[in-house]
PDB file of all heavy atoms in Angstrom:
ATOM      1  N   ALA A   1      46.413  30.544 -49.917  1.00  0.00           N
ATOM      2  CA  ALA A   1      45.872  30.645 -48.640  1.00  0.00           C
ATOM      3  C   ALA A   1      44.861  31.815 -48.487  1.00  0.00           C
ATOM      4  O   ALA A   1      45.159  32.844 -49.122  1.00  0.00           O
ATOM      5  CB  ALA A   1      46.939  30.806 -47.553  1.00  0.00           C
ATOM      6  N   VAL A   2      43.836  31.586 -47.678  1.00  0.00           N
ATOM      7  CA  VAL A   2      42.909  32.629 -47.388  1.00  0.00           C
ATOM      8  C   VAL A   2      43.575  33.510 -46.283  1.00  0.00           C
ATOM      9  O   VAL A   2      43.931  32.937 -45.358  1.00  0.00           O
ATOM     10  CB  VAL A   2      41.506  32.059 -47.029  1.00  0.00           C
ATOM     11  CG1 VAL A   2      40.542  33.212 -46.563  1.00  0.00           C
ATOM     12  CG2 VAL A   2      41.043  31.161 -48.039  1.00  0.00           C
ATOM     13  N   LYS A   3      43.503  34.746 -46.531  1.00  0.00           N
ATOM     14  CA  LYS A   3      44.378  35.615 -45.574  1.00  0.00           C
ATOM     15  C   LYS A   3      43.836  35.530 -44.142  1.00  0.00           C
ATOM     16  O   LYS A   3      42.619  35.774 -43.918  1.00  0.00           O
ATOM     17  CB  LYS A   3      44.532  36.903 -45.953  1.00  0.00           C
ATOM     18  CG  LYS A   3      43.289  37.853 -46.028  1.00  0.00           C
ATOM     19  CD  LYS A   3      43.560  39.315 -46.594  1.00  0.00           C
ATOM     20  CE  LYS A   3      42.412  40.096 -46.544  1.00  0.00           C
ATOM     21  NZ  LYS A   3      42.650  41.504 -47.032  1.00  0.00           N
ATOM     22  N   PRO A   4      44.627  35.266 -43.172  1.00  0.00           N
ATOM     23  CA  PRO A   4      44.223  35.446 -41.760  1.00  0.00           C
ATOM     24  C   PRO A   4      44.585  36.781 -41.249  1.00  0.00           C
ATOM     25  O   PRO A   4      44.164  37.226 -40.164  1.00  0.00           O
ATOM     26  CB  PRO A   4      45.120  34.429 -40.944  1.00  0.00           C
ATOM     27  CG  PRO A   4      46.411  34.426 -41.764  1.00  0.00           C
ATOM     28  CD  PRO A   4      45.985  34.604 -43.329  1.00  0.00           C
ATOM     29  N   MET A   5      45.455  37.578 -41.922  1.00  0.00           N
ATOM     30  CA  MET A   5      45.881  38.934 -41.642  1.00  0.00           C
ATOM     31  C   MET A   5      46.037  39.755 -42.858  1.00  0.00           C
ATOM     32  O   MET A   5      46.224  39.143 -43.934  1.00  0.00           O
ATOM     33  CB  MET A   5      47.207  38.821 -40.721  1.00  0.00           C
ATOM     34  CG  MET A   5      47.073  38.160 -39.493  1.00  0.00           C
ATOM     35  SD  MET A   5      48.570  38.125 -38.588  1.00  0.00           S
ATOM     36  CE  MET A   5      48.185  36.932 -37.231  1.00  0.00           C
ATOM     37  N   ASN A   6      46.097  40.993 -42.768  1.00  0.00           N
ATOM     38  CA  ASN A   6      46.158  41.913 -43.929  1.00  0.00           C
ATOM     39  C   ASN A   6      47.698  42.427 -44.262  1.00  0.00           C
ATOM     40  O   ASN A   6      47.987  42.913 -45.300  1.00  0.00           O
ATOM     41  CB  ASN A   6      45.308  43.177 -43.758  1.00  0.00           C
ATOM     42  CG  ASN A   6      43.839  42.804 -43.549  1.00  0.00           C
ATOM     43  OD1 ASN A   6      43.354  42.203 -44.392  1.00  0.00           O
ATOM     44  ND2 ASN A   6      43.213  43.274 -42.482  1.00  0.00           N
ATOM     45  N   CYS A   7      48.577  42.095 -43.304  1.00  0.00           N
ATOM     46  CA  CYS A   7      49.878  42.817 -43.473  1.00  0.00           C
ATOM     47  C   CYS A   7      50.695  42.358 -44.655  1.00  0.00           C
ATOM     48  O   CYS A   7      51.233  43.338 -45.351  1.00  0.00           O
ATOM     49  CB  CYS A   7      50.772  42.553 -42.152  1.00  0.00           C
ATOM     50  SG  CYS A   7      50.526  41.134 -41.308  1.00  0.00           S
ATOM     51  N   PRO A   8      50.652  41.094 -45.021  1.00  0.00           N
ATOM     52  CA  PRO A   8      51.440  40.828 -46.366  1.00  0.00           C
ATOM     53  C   PRO A   8      50.969  41.576 -47.547  1.00  0.00           C
ATOM     54  O   PRO A   8      51.718  42.057 -48.314  1.00  0.00           O
ATOM     55  CB  PRO A   8      51.320  39.373 -46.447  1.00  0.00           C
ATOM     56  CG  PRO A   8      51.102  38.840 -45.090  1.00  0.00           C
ATOM     57  CD  PRO A   8      50.305  39.924 -44.476  1.00  0.00           C
ATOM     58  N   GLY A   9      49.586  41.704 -47.761  1.00  0.00           N
ATOM     59  CA  GLY A   9      49.035  42.484 -48.766  1.00  0.00           C
ATOM     60  C   GLY A   9      49.468  43.929 -48.796  1.00  0.00           C
ATOM     61  O   GLY A   9      49.757  44.451 -49.838  1.00  0.00           O
ATOM     62  N   HIS A  10      49.539  44.562 -47.622  1.00  0.00           N
ATOM     63  CA  HIS A  10      49.880  45.917 -47.412  1.00  0.00           C
ATOM     64  C   HIS A  10      51.385  46.056 -47.898  1.00  0.00           C
ATOM     65  O   HIS A  10      51.730  47.220 -48.524  1.00  0.00           O
ATOM     66  CB  HIS A  10      49.756  46.451 -46.058  1.00  0.00           C
ATOM     67  CG  HIS A  10      48.274  46.583 -45.689  1.00  0.00           C
ATOM     68  ND1 HIS A  10      47.678  47.377 -44.688  1.00  0.00           N
ATOM     69  CD2 HIS A  10      47.157  45.985 -46.182  1.00  0.00           C
ATOM     70  CE1 HIS A  10      46.484  47.269 -44.621  1.00  0.00           C
ATOM     71  NE2 HIS A  10      46.045  46.443 -45.462  1.00  0.00           N
ATOM     72  N   ILE A  11      52.186  45.041 -47.549  1.00  0.00           N
ATOM     73  CA  ILE A  11      53.548  45.022 -48.011  1.00  0.00           C
ATOM     74  C   ILE A  11      53.739  45.122 -49.488  1.00  0.00           C
ATOM     75  O   ILE A  11      54.606  45.886 -50.091  1.00  0.00           O
ATOM     76  CB  ILE A  11      54.301  43.855 -47.343  1.00  0.00           C
ATOM     77  CG1 ILE A  11      54.479  44.156 -45.792  1.00  0.00           C
ATOM     78  CG2 ILE A  11      55.668  43.623 -47.963  1.00  0.00           C
ATOM     79  CD1 ILE A  11      54.955  42.971 -44.994  1.00  0.00           C
ATOM     80  N   LEU A  12      52.842  44.208 -50.145  1.00  0.00           N
ATOM     81  CA  LEU A  12      52.975  44.260 -51.570  1.00  0.00           C
ATOM     82  C   LEU A  12      52.666  45.619 -52.161  1.00  0.00           C
ATOM     83  O   LEU A  12      53.299  45.951 -53.181  1.00  0.00           O
ATOM     84  CB  LEU A  12      52.086  43.190 -52.200  1.00  0.00           C
ATOM     85  CG  LEU A  12      52.462  41.676 -51.811  1.00  0.00           C
ATOM     86  CD1 LEU A  12      51.377  40.690 -52.439  1.00  0.00           C
ATOM     87  CD2 LEU A  12      53.835  41.385 -52.202  1.00  0.00           C
ATOM     88  N   LEU A  13      51.749  46.291 -51.659  1.00  0.00           N
ATOM     89  CA  LEU A  13      51.369  47.665 -52.104  1.00  0.00           C
ATOM     90  C   LEU A  13      52.507  48.647 -51.915  1.00  0.00           C
ATOM     91  O   LEU A  13      52.841  49.447 -52.736  1.00  0.00           O
ATOM     92  CB  LEU A  13      50.149  48.188 -51.456  1.00  0.00           C
ATOM     93  CG  LEU A  13      48.822  47.759 -52.001  1.00  0.00           C
ATOM     94  CD1 LEU A  13      47.606  48.436 -51.370  1.00  0.00           C
ATOM     95  CD2 LEU A  13      48.778  47.948 -53.539  1.00  0.00           C
ATOM     96  N   TYR A  14      53.152  48.540 -50.695  1.00  0.00           N
ATOM     97  CA  TYR A  14      54.346  49.379 -50.481  1.00  0.00           C
ATOM     98  C   TYR A  14      55.364  49.167 -51.455  1.00  0.00           C
ATOM     99  O   TYR A  14      56.067  50.241 -51.820  1.00  0.00           O
ATOM    100  CB  TYR A  14      54.861  49.110 -49.023  1.00  0.00           C
ATOM    101  CG  TYR A  14      55.972  49.919 -48.712  1.00  0.00           C
ATOM    102  CD1 TYR A  14      55.908  51.209 -48.051  1.00  0.00           C
ATOM    103  CD2 TYR A  14      57.395  49.599 -49.026  1.00  0.00           C
ATOM    104  CE1 TYR A  14      57.029  52.058 -47.795  1.00  0.00           C
ATOM    105  CE2 TYR A  14      58.495  50.383 -48.644  1.00  0.00           C
ATOM    106  CZ  TYR A  14      58.270  51.634 -48.054  1.00  0.00           C
ATOM    107  OH  TYR A  14      59.405  52.399 -47.807  1.00  0.00           O
ATOM    108  N   ARG A  15      55.558  48.058 -51.965  1.00  0.00           N
ATOM    109  CA  ARG A  15      56.641  47.730 -52.866  1.00  0.00           C
ATOM    110  C   ARG A  15      56.383  48.249 -54.347  1.00  0.00           C
ATOM    111  O   ARG A  15      57.177  48.203 -55.148  1.00  0.00           O
ATOM    112  CB  ARG A  15      56.957  46.203 -52.989  1.00  0.00           C
ATOM    113  CG  ARG A  15      57.475  45.672 -51.686  1.00  0.00           C
ATOM    114  CD  ARG A  15      57.520  44.249 -51.697  1.00  0.00           C
ATOM    115  NE  ARG A  15      58.613  43.663 -52.641  1.00  0.00           N
ATOM    116  CZ  ARG A  15      58.800  42.427 -52.835  1.00  0.00           C
ATOM    117  NH1 ARG A  15      57.988  41.461 -52.209  1.00  0.00           N
ATOM    118  NH2 ARG A  15      59.731  42.047 -53.727  1.00  0.00           N
ATOM    119  N   GLU A  16      55.065  48.792 -54.516  1.00  0.00           N
ATOM    120  CA  GLU A  16      54.816  49.419 -55.766  1.00  0.00           C
ATOM    121  C   GLU A  16      55.512  50.709 -55.936  1.00  0.00           C
ATOM    122  O   GLU A  16      55.156  51.689 -55.315  1.00  0.00           O
ATOM    123  CB  GLU A  16      53.320  49.561 -56.014  1.00  0.00           C
ATOM    124  CG  GLU A  16      52.512  48.290 -56.204  1.00  0.00           C
ATOM    125  CD  GLU A  16      52.711  47.701 -57.591  1.00  0.00           C
ATOM    126  OE1 GLU A  16      52.481  48.550 -58.416  1.00  0.00           O
ATOM    127  OE2 GLU A  16      53.169  46.557 -57.654  1.00  0.00           O
ATOM    128  N   GLY A  17      56.532  50.826 -56.654  1.00  0.00           N
ATOM    129  CA  GLY A  17      57.306  52.098 -56.943  1.00  0.00           C
ATOM    130  C   GLY A  17      58.236  52.362 -55.869  1.00  0.00           C
ATOM    131  O   GLY A  17      58.194  51.740 -54.729  1.00  0.00           O
ATOM    132  N   VAL A  18      59.170  53.241 -56.064  1.00  0.00           N
ATOM    133  CA  VAL A  18      60.265  53.579 -55.218  1.00  0.00           C
ATOM    134  C   VAL A  18      59.803  54.570 -54.172  1.00  0.00           C
ATOM    135  O   VAL A  18      59.052  55.595 -54.526  1.00  0.00           O
ATOM    136  CB  VAL A  18      61.483  54.119 -56.024  1.00  0.00           C
ATOM    137  CG1 VAL A  18      62.607  54.603 -55.008  1.00  0.00           C
ATOM    138  CG2 VAL A  18      62.114  53.211 -56.971  1.00  0.00           C
ATOM    139  N   LYS A  19      60.093  54.482 -52.953  1.00  0.00           N
ATOM    140  CA  LYS A  19      59.653  55.376 -51.828  1.00  0.00           C
ATOM    141  C   LYS A  19      60.846  56.194 -51.371  1.00  0.00           C
ATOM    142  O   LYS A  19      62.010  55.640 -51.355  1.00  0.00           O
ATOM    143  CB  LYS A  19      59.080  54.513 -50.756  1.00  0.00           C
ATOM    144  CG  LYS A  19      57.937  53.638 -51.014  1.00  0.00           C
ATOM    145  CD  LYS A  19      56.758  54.447 -51.446  1.00  0.00           C
ATOM    146  CE  LYS A  19      55.390  53.591 -51.675  1.00  0.00           C
ATOM    147  NZ  LYS A  19      55.566  52.585 -52.771  1.00  0.00           N
ATOM    148  N   SER A  20      60.583  57.432 -51.109  1.00  0.00           N
ATOM    149  CA  SER A  20      61.544  58.332 -50.710  1.00  0.00           C
ATOM    150  C   SER A  20      61.307  58.591 -49.056  1.00  0.00           C
ATOM    151  O   SER A  20      60.153  58.332 -48.618  1.00  0.00           O
ATOM    152  CB  SER A  20      61.438  59.667 -51.439  1.00  0.00           C
ATOM    153  OG  SER A  20      62.113  60.729 -50.604  1.00  0.00           O
ATOM    154  N   TYR A  21      62.310  59.120 -48.467  1.00  0.00           N
ATOM    155  CA  TYR A  21      62.098  59.446 -47.004  1.00  0.00           C
ATOM    156  C   TYR A  21      61.098  60.425 -46.819  1.00  0.00           C
ATOM    157  O   TYR A  21      60.382  60.585 -45.784  1.00  0.00           O
ATOM    158  CB  TYR A  21      63.440  59.920 -46.445  1.00  0.00           C
ATOM    159  CG  TYR A  21      63.916  61.281 -46.896  1.00  0.00           C
ATOM    160  CD1 TYR A  21      63.644  62.494 -46.074  1.00  0.00           C
ATOM    161  CD2 TYR A  21      64.590  61.449 -48.083  1.00  0.00           C
ATOM    162  CE1 TYR A  21      64.013  63.730 -46.535  1.00  0.00           C
ATOM    163  CE2 TYR A  21      65.015  62.623 -48.517  1.00  0.00           C
ATOM    164  CZ  TYR A  21      64.753  63.792 -47.766  1.00  0.00           C
ATOM    165  OH  TYR A  21      65.139  64.971 -48.154  1.00  0.00           O
ATOM    166  N   ARG A  22      60.782  61.345 -47.938  1.00  0.00           N
ATOM    167  CA  ARG A  22      59.675  62.247 -47.820  1.00  0.00           C
ATOM    168  C   ARG A  22      58.317  61.660 -47.882  1.00  0.00           C
ATOM    169  O   ARG A  22      57.379  62.346 -47.483  1.00  0.00           O
ATOM    170  CB  ARG A  22      59.862  63.285 -48.982  1.00  0.00           C
ATOM    171  CG  ARG A  22      61.131  64.177 -48.954  1.00  0.00           C
ATOM    172  CD  ARG A  22      61.021  65.234 -49.946  1.00  0.00           C
ATOM    173  NE  ARG A  22      62.190  66.168 -50.003  1.00  0.00           N
ATOM    174  CZ  ARG A  22      63.305  65.878 -50.628  1.00  0.00           C
ATOM    175  NH1 ARG A  22      63.383  64.873 -51.572  1.00  0.00           N
ATOM    176  NH2 ARG A  22      64.245  66.726 -50.581  1.00  0.00           N
ATOM    177  N   ASP A  23      58.212  60.468 -48.442  1.00  0.00           N
ATOM    178  CA  ASP A  23      56.864  59.635 -48.479  1.00  0.00           C
ATOM    179  C   ASP A  23      56.452  59.154 -47.096  1.00  0.00           C
ATOM    180  O   ASP A  23      55.333  58.724 -46.931  1.00  0.00           O
ATOM    181  CB  ASP A  23      56.983  58.524 -49.446  1.00  0.00           C
ATOM    182  CG  ASP A  23      57.275  59.085 -50.936  1.00  0.00           C
ATOM    183  OD1 ASP A  23      56.701  60.143 -51.248  1.00  0.00           O
ATOM    184  OD2 ASP A  23      58.130  58.459 -51.639  1.00  0.00           O
ATOM    185  N   LEU A  24      57.433  59.059 -46.118  1.00  0.00           N
ATOM    186  CA  LEU A  24      57.109  58.428 -44.856  1.00  0.00           C
ATOM    187  C   LEU A  24      56.899  59.560 -43.890  1.00  0.00           C
ATOM    188  O   LEU A  24      57.488  60.561 -43.911  1.00  0.00           O
ATOM    189  CB  LEU A  24      58.358  57.512 -44.505  1.00  0.00           C
ATOM    190  CG  LEU A  24      58.768  56.522 -45.577  1.00  0.00           C
ATOM    191  CD1 LEU A  24      59.944  55.631 -44.884  1.00  0.00           C
ATOM    192  CD2 LEU A  24      57.608  55.712 -46.009  1.00  0.00           C
ATOM    193  N   PRO A  25      55.987  59.183 -42.832  1.00  0.00           N
ATOM    194  CA  PRO A  25      55.274  57.913 -42.743  1.00  0.00           C
ATOM    195  C   PRO A  25      54.161  57.769 -43.821  1.00  0.00           C
ATOM    196  O   PRO A  25      53.482  58.695 -44.191  1.00  0.00           O
ATOM    197  CB  PRO A  25      54.676  58.071 -41.312  1.00  0.00           C
ATOM    198  CG  PRO A  25      54.435  59.471 -41.246  1.00  0.00           C
ATOM    199  CD  PRO A  25      55.607  60.131 -41.852  1.00  0.00           C
ATOM    200  N   LEU A  26      54.079  56.497 -44.313  1.00  0.00           N
ATOM    201  CA  LEU A  26      52.948  56.067 -45.200  1.00  0.00           C
ATOM    202  C   LEU A  26      51.905  55.276 -44.388  1.00  0.00           C
ATOM    203  O   LEU A  26      52.309  54.222 -43.807  1.00  0.00           O
ATOM    204  CB  LEU A  26      53.577  55.274 -46.357  1.00  0.00           C
ATOM    205  CG  LEU A  26      52.611  54.844 -47.408  1.00  0.00           C
ATOM    206  CD1 LEU A  26      51.973  55.994 -48.031  1.00  0.00           C
ATOM    207  CD2 LEU A  26      53.335  53.986 -48.481  1.00  0.00           C
ATOM    208  N   ARG A  27      50.710  55.769 -44.301  1.00  0.00           N
ATOM    209  CA  ARG A  27      49.792  55.160 -43.421  1.00  0.00           C
ATOM    210  C   ARG A  27      48.611  54.499 -44.209  1.00  0.00           C
ATOM    211  O   ARG A  27      47.776  55.116 -44.791  1.00  0.00           O
ATOM    212  CB  ARG A  27      49.099  56.135 -42.500  1.00  0.00           C
ATOM    213  CG  ARG A  27      50.131  56.980 -41.673  1.00  0.00           C
ATOM    214  CD  ARG A  27      49.471  57.805 -40.695  1.00  0.00           C
ATOM    215  NE  ARG A  27      50.446  58.765 -40.049  1.00  0.00           N
ATOM    216  CZ  ARG A  27      50.684  60.015 -40.296  1.00  0.00           C
ATOM    217  NH1 ARG A  27      49.857  60.570 -41.258  1.00  0.00           N
ATOM    218  NH2 ARG A  27      51.492  60.797 -39.777  1.00  0.00           N
ATOM    219  N   TYR A  28      48.720  53.131 -44.417  1.00  0.00           N
ATOM    220  CA  TYR A  28      47.684  52.377 -45.056  1.00  0.00           C
ATOM    221  C   TYR A  28      46.690  51.825 -44.152  1.00  0.00           C
ATOM    222  O   TYR A  28      47.111  51.365 -43.078  1.00  0.00           O
ATOM    223  CB  TYR A  28      48.273  51.207 -45.816  1.00  0.00           C
ATOM    224  CG  TYR A  28      49.001  51.451 -47.177  1.00  0.00           C
ATOM    225  CD1 TYR A  28      50.012  50.678 -47.561  1.00  0.00           C
ATOM    226  CD2 TYR A  28      48.657  52.589 -47.915  1.00  0.00           C
ATOM    227  CE1 TYR A  28      50.739  50.927 -48.712  1.00  0.00           C
ATOM    228  CE2 TYR A  28      49.443  52.871 -49.099  1.00  0.00           C
ATOM    229  CZ  TYR A  28      50.438  52.008 -49.533  1.00  0.00           C
ATOM    230  OH  TYR A  28      51.108  52.306 -50.635  1.00  0.00           O
ATOM    231  N   CYS A  29      45.335  51.921 -44.375  1.00  0.00           N
ATOM    232  CA  CYS A  29      44.336  51.320 -43.618  1.00  0.00           C
ATOM    233  C   CYS A  29      43.302  50.565 -44.389  1.00  0.00           C
ATOM    234  O   CYS A  29      43.205  50.845 -45.591  1.00  0.00           O
ATOM    235  CB  CYS A  29      43.656  52.412 -42.722  1.00  0.00           C
ATOM    236  SG  CYS A  29      42.628  53.558 -43.647  1.00  0.00           S
ATOM    237  N   GLU A  30      42.903  49.534 -43.790  1.00  0.00           N
ATOM    238  CA  GLU A  30      41.901  48.633 -44.513  1.00  0.00           C
ATOM    239  C   GLU A  30      40.931  47.991 -43.607  1.00  0.00           C
ATOM    240  O   GLU A  30      41.218  47.524 -42.513  1.00  0.00           O
ATOM    241  CB  GLU A  30      42.703  47.439 -45.188  1.00  0.00           C
ATOM    242  CG  GLU A  30      41.760  46.498 -45.905  1.00  0.00           C
ATOM    243  CD  GLU A  30      42.593  45.413 -46.721  1.00  0.00           C
ATOM    244  OE1 GLU A  30      43.839  45.337 -46.551  1.00  0.00           O
ATOM    245  OE2 GLU A  30      41.887  44.732 -47.535  1.00  0.00           O
ATOM    246  N   LEU A  31      39.672  47.964 -44.007  1.00  0.00           N
ATOM    247  CA  LEU A  31      38.612  47.174 -43.323  1.00  0.00           C
ATOM    248  C   LEU A  31      38.607  45.865 -44.200  1.00  0.00           C
ATOM    249  O   LEU A  31      37.949  45.616 -45.069  1.00  0.00           O
ATOM    250  CB  LEU A  31      37.322  47.803 -43.491  1.00  0.00           C
ATOM    251  CG  LEU A  31      37.142  49.141 -42.586  1.00  0.00           C
ATOM    252  CD1 LEU A  31      35.967  49.836 -43.028  1.00  0.00           C
ATOM    253  CD2 LEU A  31      37.127  48.838 -41.170  1.00  0.00           C
ATOM    254  N   GLY A  32      39.512  44.993 -43.725  1.00  0.00           N
ATOM    255  CA  GLY A  32      39.838  43.727 -44.522  1.00  0.00           C
ATOM    256  C   GLY A  32      39.258  42.503 -43.895  1.00  0.00           C
ATOM    257  O   GLY A  32      39.383  42.221 -42.766  1.00  0.00           O
ATOM    258  N   LEU A  33      38.593  41.748 -44.774  1.00  0.00           N
ATOM    259  CA  LEU A  33      37.892  40.560 -44.306  1.00  0.00           C
ATOM    260  C   LEU A  33      38.991  39.432 -44.242  1.00  0.00           C
ATOM    261  O   LEU A  33      39.762  39.076 -45.276  1.00  0.00           O
ATOM    262  CB  LEU A  33      36.825  40.098 -45.408  1.00  0.00           C
ATOM    263  CG  LEU A  33      36.156  38.737 -45.122  1.00  0.00           C
ATOM    264  CD1 LEU A  33      35.411  38.724 -43.753  1.00  0.00           C
ATOM    265  CD2 LEU A  33      35.194  38.365 -46.260  1.00  0.00           C
ATOM    266  N   VAL A  34      39.140  38.840 -43.111  1.00  0.00           N
ATOM    267  CA  VAL A  34      40.076  37.766 -42.842  1.00  0.00           C
ATOM    268  C   VAL A  34      39.356  36.579 -42.292  1.00  0.00           C
ATOM    269  O   VAL A  34      38.312  36.564 -41.851  1.00  0.00           O
ATOM    270  CB  VAL A  34      41.150  38.234 -41.869  1.00  0.00           C
ATOM    271  CG1 VAL A  34      41.933  39.425 -42.423  1.00  0.00           C
ATOM    272  CG2 VAL A  34      40.669  38.521 -40.544  1.00  0.00           C
ATOM    273  N   HIS A  35      40.089  35.395 -42.399  1.00  0.00           N
ATOM    274  CA  HIS A  35      39.475  34.156 -42.150  1.00  0.00           C
ATOM    275  C   HIS A  35      40.518  33.370 -41.183  1.00  0.00           C
ATOM    276  O   HIS A  35      41.742  33.213 -41.526  1.00  0.00           O
ATOM    277  CB  HIS A  35      39.199  33.236 -43.224  1.00  0.00           C
ATOM    278  CG  HIS A  35      37.995  33.624 -43.970  1.00  0.00           C
ATOM    279  ND1 HIS A  35      38.085  34.831 -44.790  1.00  0.00           N
ATOM    280  CD2 HIS A  35      36.710  33.147 -44.130  1.00  0.00           C
ATOM    281  CE1 HIS A  35      36.966  34.984 -45.502  1.00  0.00           C
ATOM    282  NE2 HIS A  35      36.066  34.074 -45.035  1.00  0.00           N
ATOM    283  N   ARG A  36      40.086  32.789 -40.061  1.00  0.00           N
ATOM    284  CA  ARG A  36      40.941  32.159 -39.205  1.00  0.00           C
ATOM    285  C   ARG A  36      40.265  30.941 -38.695  1.00  0.00           C
ATOM    286  O   ARG A  36      39.078  30.990 -38.326  1.00  0.00           O
ATOM    287  CB  ARG A  36      41.376  33.001 -37.998  1.00  0.00           C
ATOM    288  CG  ARG A  36      42.305  34.233 -38.373  1.00  0.00           C
ATOM    289  CD  ARG A  36      42.670  35.052 -37.190  1.00  0.00           C
ATOM    290  NE  ARG A  36      43.309  36.274 -37.578  1.00  0.00           N
ATOM    291  CZ  ARG A  36      43.718  37.275 -36.764  1.00  0.00           C
ATOM    292  NH1 ARG A  36      43.572  37.106 -35.461  1.00  0.00           N
ATOM    293  NH2 ARG A  36      44.405  38.278 -37.236  1.00  0.00           N
ATOM    294  N   HIS A  37      40.931  29.838 -38.731  1.00  0.00           N
ATOM    295  CA  HIS A  37      40.241  28.505 -38.265  1.00  0.00           C
ATOM    296  C   HIS A  37      40.324  28.497 -36.831  1.00  0.00           C
ATOM    297  O   HIS A  37      41.241  28.475 -36.132  1.00  0.00           O
ATOM    298  CB  HIS A  37      41.095  27.284 -38.842  1.00  0.00           C
ATOM    299  CG  HIS A  37      40.486  26.009 -38.345  1.00  0.00           C
ATOM    300  ND1 HIS A  37      39.219  25.586 -38.759  1.00  0.00           N
ATOM    301  CD2 HIS A  37      41.027  25.085 -37.611  1.00  0.00           C
ATOM    302  CE1 HIS A  37      38.932  24.395 -38.105  1.00  0.00           C
ATOM    303  NE2 HIS A  37      39.993  24.091 -37.503  1.00  0.00           N
ATOM    304  N   GLU A  38      39.110  28.463 -36.271  1.00  0.00           N
ATOM    305  CA  GLU A  38      38.827  28.334 -34.820  1.00  0.00           C
ATOM    306  C   GLU A  38      38.191  26.963 -34.476  1.00  0.00           C
ATOM    307  O   GLU A  38      37.358  26.517 -35.330  1.00  0.00           O
ATOM    308  CB  GLU A  38      37.948  29.434 -34.272  1.00  0.00           C
ATOM    309  CG  GLU A  38      38.607  30.844 -34.519  1.00  0.00           C
ATOM    310  CD  GLU A  38      39.691  31.215 -33.389  1.00  0.00           C
ATOM    311  OE1 GLU A  38      39.974  30.263 -32.625  1.00  0.00           O
ATOM    312  OE2 GLU A  38      40.064  32.357 -33.452  1.00  0.00           O
ATOM    313  N   LEU A  39      38.558  26.305 -33.482  1.00  0.00           N
ATOM    314  CA  LEU A  39      37.864  25.030 -33.107  1.00  0.00           C
ATOM    315  C   LEU A  39      36.419  25.329 -32.847  1.00  0.00           C
ATOM    316  O   LEU A  39      36.097  26.398 -32.199  1.00  0.00           O
ATOM    317  CB  LEU A  39      38.582  24.440 -31.827  1.00  0.00           C
ATOM    318  CG  LEU A  39      40.099  23.995 -32.100  1.00  0.00           C
ATOM    319  CD1 LEU A  39      40.639  23.425 -30.777  1.00  0.00           C
ATOM    320  CD2 LEU A  39      40.126  22.926 -33.164  1.00  0.00           C
TER     321      LEU A  39
END
């Protein structure tokens, strides 16, 4: 599927490696191109 939102991709990046409580908050930002079917 062509992404309508960016959040699942950011989740996959979060899962790269073990995170400690010291790593949080972890703030990811993206100017992400999304597609949504509009009538």
